[in-house]
Protein backbone atom coordinates (compact mmCIF):
# COMPACT_ATOMS: atom_id res chain seq x y z
CA MET A 1 -70.15 -15.95 30.84
CA PRO A 2 -73.28 -16.86 32.64
CA THR A 3 -76.48 -17.07 30.68
CA LEU A 4 -79.28 -14.90 31.40
CA GLY A 5 -82.22 -17.31 30.76
CA LYS A 6 -84.75 -17.12 28.23
CA PRO A 7 -87.08 -14.26 29.55
CA ALA A 8 -84.17 -11.95 30.26
CA GLU A 9 -82.53 -12.76 26.59
CA GLN A 10 -85.85 -12.09 24.99
CA SER A 11 -86.38 -8.82 27.05
CA ALA A 12 -82.82 -7.57 26.11
CA SER A 13 -83.34 -8.40 22.42
CA VAL A 14 -86.65 -6.48 22.38
CA ILE A 15 -85.11 -3.54 23.97
CA LYS A 16 -82.41 -3.48 21.42
CA ASN A 17 -84.85 -3.90 18.53
CA VAL A 18 -87.25 -1.15 19.88
CA TYR A 19 -84.45 1.23 20.54
CA SER A 20 -82.77 0.53 17.37
CA SER A 21 -85.83 1.42 15.37
CA GLY A 22 -85.64 4.76 16.73
CA VAL A 23 -88.58 4.32 19.29
CA GLY A 24 -87.94 5.61 22.82
CA GLU A 25 -85.81 8.31 24.18
CA SER A 26 -83.21 6.01 25.92
CA MET A 27 -82.55 2.49 26.59
CA ASP A 28 -83.93 2.90 30.18
CA ALA A 29 -87.05 4.16 29.03
CA VAL A 30 -87.65 1.31 26.58
CA ALA A 31 -86.39 -1.29 29.12
CA ASN A 32 -89.17 0.25 31.45
CA ALA A 33 -91.62 -0.07 28.70
CA VAL A 34 -90.96 -3.59 27.88
CA LEU A 35 -91.16 -4.54 31.73
CA MET A 36 -94.58 -2.54 31.82
CA VAL A 37 -95.85 -4.32 28.88
CA LYS A 38 -94.92 -7.71 30.25
CA LYS A 39 -96.11 -6.95 33.58
CA ASN A 40 -99.77 -5.74 32.18
CA LEU A 41 -99.90 -8.45 29.12
CA GLY A 42 -98.29 -11.60 30.65
CA ASP A 43 -96.28 -13.70 28.18
CA LEU A 44 -95.72 -12.72 24.73
CA SER A 45 -94.01 -13.85 21.78
CA GLU A 46 -90.74 -11.56 21.08
CA THR A 47 -92.48 -10.13 17.93
CA ASP A 48 -95.60 -9.29 19.71
CA LEU A 49 -93.70 -7.87 22.66
CA THR A 50 -91.58 -5.69 20.29
CA ASN A 51 -94.64 -4.39 18.28
CA LEU A 52 -96.72 -3.57 21.33
CA THR A 53 -93.86 -1.92 23.17
CA GLN A 54 -93.20 0.25 20.06
CA GLN A 55 -96.91 1.28 19.99
CA VAL A 56 -97.34 2.09 23.32
CA ILE A 57 -94.04 4.24 23.38
CA THR A 58 -95.36 6.11 20.39
CA LEU A 59 -98.87 6.67 21.88
CA GLU A 60 -97.15 8.13 24.98
CA GLU A 61 -94.72 10.36 22.99
CA LEU A 62 -97.04 11.44 20.32
CA TYR A 63 -100.28 12.04 22.32
CA GLY A 64 -99.20 12.05 25.78
CA ILE A 65 -101.37 8.97 26.57
CA ASP A 66 -100.29 7.18 29.99
CA MET A 67 -98.70 4.06 28.99
CA ASN A 68 -99.66 2.21 32.28
CA GLU A 69 -103.31 3.16 31.69
CA THR A 70 -103.42 2.12 28.06
CA LEU A 71 -101.96 -1.25 28.86
CA ARG A 72 -104.63 -1.92 31.74
CA GLY A 73 -107.19 -1.17 29.24
CA VAL A 74 -105.70 -3.35 26.75
CA ASN A 75 -105.46 -6.27 29.41
CA SER A 76 -109.11 -5.68 30.23
CA LEU A 77 -110.21 -5.89 26.86
CA MET A 78 -108.24 -9.21 26.15
């Protein structure tokens, strides 16, 4: 079985952890959120990526806040 490489393995682990925690309506939605966080904020540790993904999904689901706009704002502040 071929290896996915470190970034792909990290993403797969984060997607699994976030979805398993009950956040996100589907694995696809969580995967898209993980990719969006990585795209907007760059390299993050697995823990930071997991936490940020959970937070942006929660903001989007509970308050209807656009995830992409939120991440761009966070990136600007950083």
